Amino acid sequence: AQELVEELEEFSYEEDDNFLNESLIDEENKDTVMSLNEENTNWEINDVIGFDED
């Protein structure tokens, strides 16, 4: 079980590094990336990016 925990922690760190790298590369879209991670709904994505149907 301990090995599994360590494996999961390592995976989490890798995910965090990827997120940080994306944010640094595209600072303007950091809020959009965060929003996508928090809530993956079409209206949320459209609202953040600015694609309004009206």
N, C-alpha and C. Protein backbone atom coordinates (compact mmCIF):
# COMPACT_ATOMS: atom_id res chain seq x y z
N ALA A 1 0.83 -1.21 0.00
CA ALA A 1 0.00 0.00 0.00
C ALA A 1 0.87 1.26 0.00
N GLN A 2 1.97 1.22 0.72
CA GLN A 2 2.86 2.38 0.79
C GLN A 2 3.40 2.74 -0.60
N GLU A 3 3.74 1.70 -1.37
CA GLU A 3 4.26 1.96 -2.72
C GLU A 3 3.22 2.68 -3.56
N LEU A 4 1.96 2.28 -3.43
CA LEU A 4 0.88 2.91 -4.19
C LEU A 4 0.75 4.38 -3.81
N VAL A 5 0.85 4.67 -2.52
CA VAL A 5 0.76 6.06 -2.05
C VAL A 5 1.89 6.88 -2.65
N GLU A 6 3.11 6.35 -2.62
CA GLU A 6 4.25 7.08 -3.17
C GLU A 6 4.06 7.30 -4.67
N GLU A 7 3.51 6.29 -5.34
CA GLU A 7 3.29 6.40 -6.78
C GLU A 7 2.28 7.51 -7.07
N LEU A 8 1.20 7.54 -6.28
CA LEU A 8 0.18 8.57 -6.46
C LEU A 8 0.75 9.96 -6.18
N GLU A 9 1.57 10.09 -5.14
CA GLU A 9 2.16 11.38 -4.82
C GLU A 9 3.06 11.85 -5.97
N GLU A 10 3.85 10.92 -6.51
CA GLU A 10 4.74 11.27 -7.62
C GLU A 10 3.92 11.75 -8.81
N PHE A 11 2.81 11.06 -9.09
CA PHE A 11 1.94 11.43 -10.20
C PHE A 11 1.36 12.82 -9.97
N SER A 12 0.96 13.10 -8.73
CA SER A 12 0.39 14.40 -8.41
C SER A 12 1.40 15.52 -8.65
N TYR A 13 2.65 15.28 -8.24
CA TYR A 13 3.69 16.29 -8.45
C TYR A 13 3.89 16.54 -9.94
N GLU A 14 3.87 15.48 -10.74
CA GLU A 14 4.03 15.65 -12.18
C GLU A 14 2.90 16.49 -12.75
N GLU A 15 1.68 16.21 -12.32
CA GLU A 15 0.53 16.98 -12.78
C GLU A 15 0.68 18.46 -12.41
N ASP A 16 1.11 18.71 -11.18
CA ASP A 16 1.29 20.09 -10.72
C ASP A 16 2.35 20.80 -11.56
N ASP A 17 3.45 20.11 -11.87
CA ASP A 17 4.50 20.71 -12.69
C ASP A 17 3.95 21.09 -14.06
N ASN A 18 3.17 20.20 -14.64
CA ASN A 18 2.59 20.48 -15.95
C ASN A 18 1.69 21.71 -15.89
N PHE A 19 0.88 21.80 -14.84
CA PHE A 19 -0.02 22.94 -14.70
C PHE A 19 0.77 24.24 -14.56
N LEU A 20 1.82 24.22 -13.74
CA LEU A 20 2.64 25.41 -13.54
C LEU A 20 3.32 25.81 -14.84
N ASN A 21 3.83 24.83 -15.58
CA ASN A 21 4.50 25.14 -16.84
C ASN A 21 3.53 25.77 -17.83
N GLU A 22 2.32 25.24 -17.91
CA GLU A 22 1.32 25.82 -18.81
C GLU A 22 1.02 27.25 -18.41
N SER A 23 0.90 27.50 -17.12
CA SER A 23 0.59 28.84 -16.64
C SER A 23 1.70 29.82 -16.99
N LEU A 24 2.95 29.37 -16.83
CA LEU A 24 4.08 30.24 -17.12
C LEU A 24 4.17 30.52 -18.61
N ILE A 25 3.90 29.50 -19.43
CA ILE A 25 4.00 29.67 -20.88
C ILE A 25 2.91 30.61 -21.38
N ASP A 26 1.71 30.47 -20.84
CA ASP A 26 0.57 31.25 -21.33
C ASP A 26 -0.11 31.95 -20.16
N GLU A 27 0.56 32.96 -19.64
CA GLU A 27 0.08 33.66 -18.43
C GLU A 27 -1.32 34.21 -18.62
N GLU A 28 -1.63 34.70 -19.84
CA GLU A 28 -2.94 35.31 -20.08
C GLU A 28 -4.07 34.32 -19.89
N ASN A 29 -3.82 33.05 -20.21
CA ASN A 29 -4.88 32.05 -20.15
C ASN A 29 -4.87 31.27 -18.84
N LYS A 30 -4.09 31.74 -17.85
CA LYS A 30 -4.00 31.00 -16.58
C LYS A 30 -5.38 30.87 -15.93
N ASP A 31 -6.16 31.95 -15.93
CA ASP A 31 -7.49 31.90 -15.32
C ASP A 31 -8.37 30.89 -16.05
N THR A 32 -8.24 30.84 -17.38
CA THR A 32 -9.03 29.89 -18.16
C THR A 32 -8.65 28.47 -17.80
N VAL A 33 -7.35 28.20 -17.72
CA VAL A 33 -6.87 26.86 -17.37
C VAL A 33 -7.37 26.47 -15.99
N MET A 34 -7.29 27.39 -15.03
CA MET A 34 -7.77 27.11 -13.68
C MET A 34 -9.26 26.82 -13.70
N SER A 35 -10.00 27.57 -14.48
CA SER A 35 -11.44 27.38 -14.55
C SER A 35 -11.78 26.02 -15.15
N LEU A 36 -11.03 25.63 -16.19
CA LEU A 36 -11.25 24.33 -16.81
C LEU A 36 -11.01 23.22 -15.81
N ASN A 37 -9.99 23.38 -14.98
CA ASN A 37 -9.69 22.36 -13.99
C ASN A 37 -10.76 22.30 -12.91
N GLU A 38 -11.28 23.46 -12.51
CA GLU A 38 -12.26 23.51 -11.43
C GLU A 38 -13.62 23.00 -11.88
N GLU A 39 -14.06 23.44 -13.05
CA GLU A 39 -15.41 23.10 -13.49
C GLU A 39 -15.43 22.97 -15.00
N ASN A 40 -15.63 21.75 -15.48
CA ASN A 40 -15.57 21.52 -16.93
C ASN A 40 -16.97 21.57 -17.52
N THR A 41 -17.54 22.78 -17.57
CA THR A 41 -18.85 22.96 -18.17
C THR A 41 -18.73 23.95 -19.32
N ASN A 42 -19.52 23.74 -20.36
CA ASN A 42 -19.42 24.57 -21.56
C ASN A 42 -19.66 26.04 -21.26
N TRP A 43 -20.69 26.33 -20.46
CA TRP A 43 -20.99 27.74 -20.20
C TRP A 43 -19.84 28.39 -19.44
N GLU A 44 -19.20 27.64 -18.54
CA GLU A 44 -18.07 28.19 -17.79
C GLU A 44 -16.92 28.51 -18.75
N ILE A 45 -16.62 27.56 -19.65
CA ILE A 45 -15.53 27.75 -20.61
C ILE A 45 -15.83 28.96 -21.49
N ASN A 46 -17.03 29.01 -22.05
CA ASN A 46 -17.39 30.10 -22.94
C ASN A 46 -17.33 31.44 -22.24
N ASP A 47 -17.78 31.48 -20.99
CA ASP A 47 -17.80 32.73 -20.23
C ASP A 47 -16.38 33.23 -20.00
N VAL A 48 -15.47 32.33 -19.65
CA VAL A 48 -14.10 32.73 -19.35
C VAL A 48 -13.38 33.17 -20.61
N ILE A 49 -13.51 32.40 -21.69
CA ILE A 49 -12.80 32.72 -22.93
C ILE A 49 -13.41 33.96 -23.58
N GLY A 50 -14.71 34.14 -23.44
CA GLY A 50 -15.36 35.32 -23.98
C GLY A 50 -16.17 35.04 -25.23
N PHE A 51 -16.54 33.78 -25.45
CA PHE A 51 -17.36 33.46 -26.61
C PHE A 51 -18.83 33.58 -26.22
N ASP A 52 -19.40 34.75 -26.43
CA ASP A 52 -20.80 34.96 -26.09
C ASP A 52 -21.66 34.75 -27.33
N GLU A 53 -22.74 34.00 -27.17
CA GLU A 53 -23.63 33.74 -28.30
C GLU A 53 -24.41 35.00 -28.69
N ASP A 54 -24.70 35.85 -27.72
CA ASP A 54 -25.51 37.05 -27.99
C ASP A 54 -24.79 37.99 -28.94
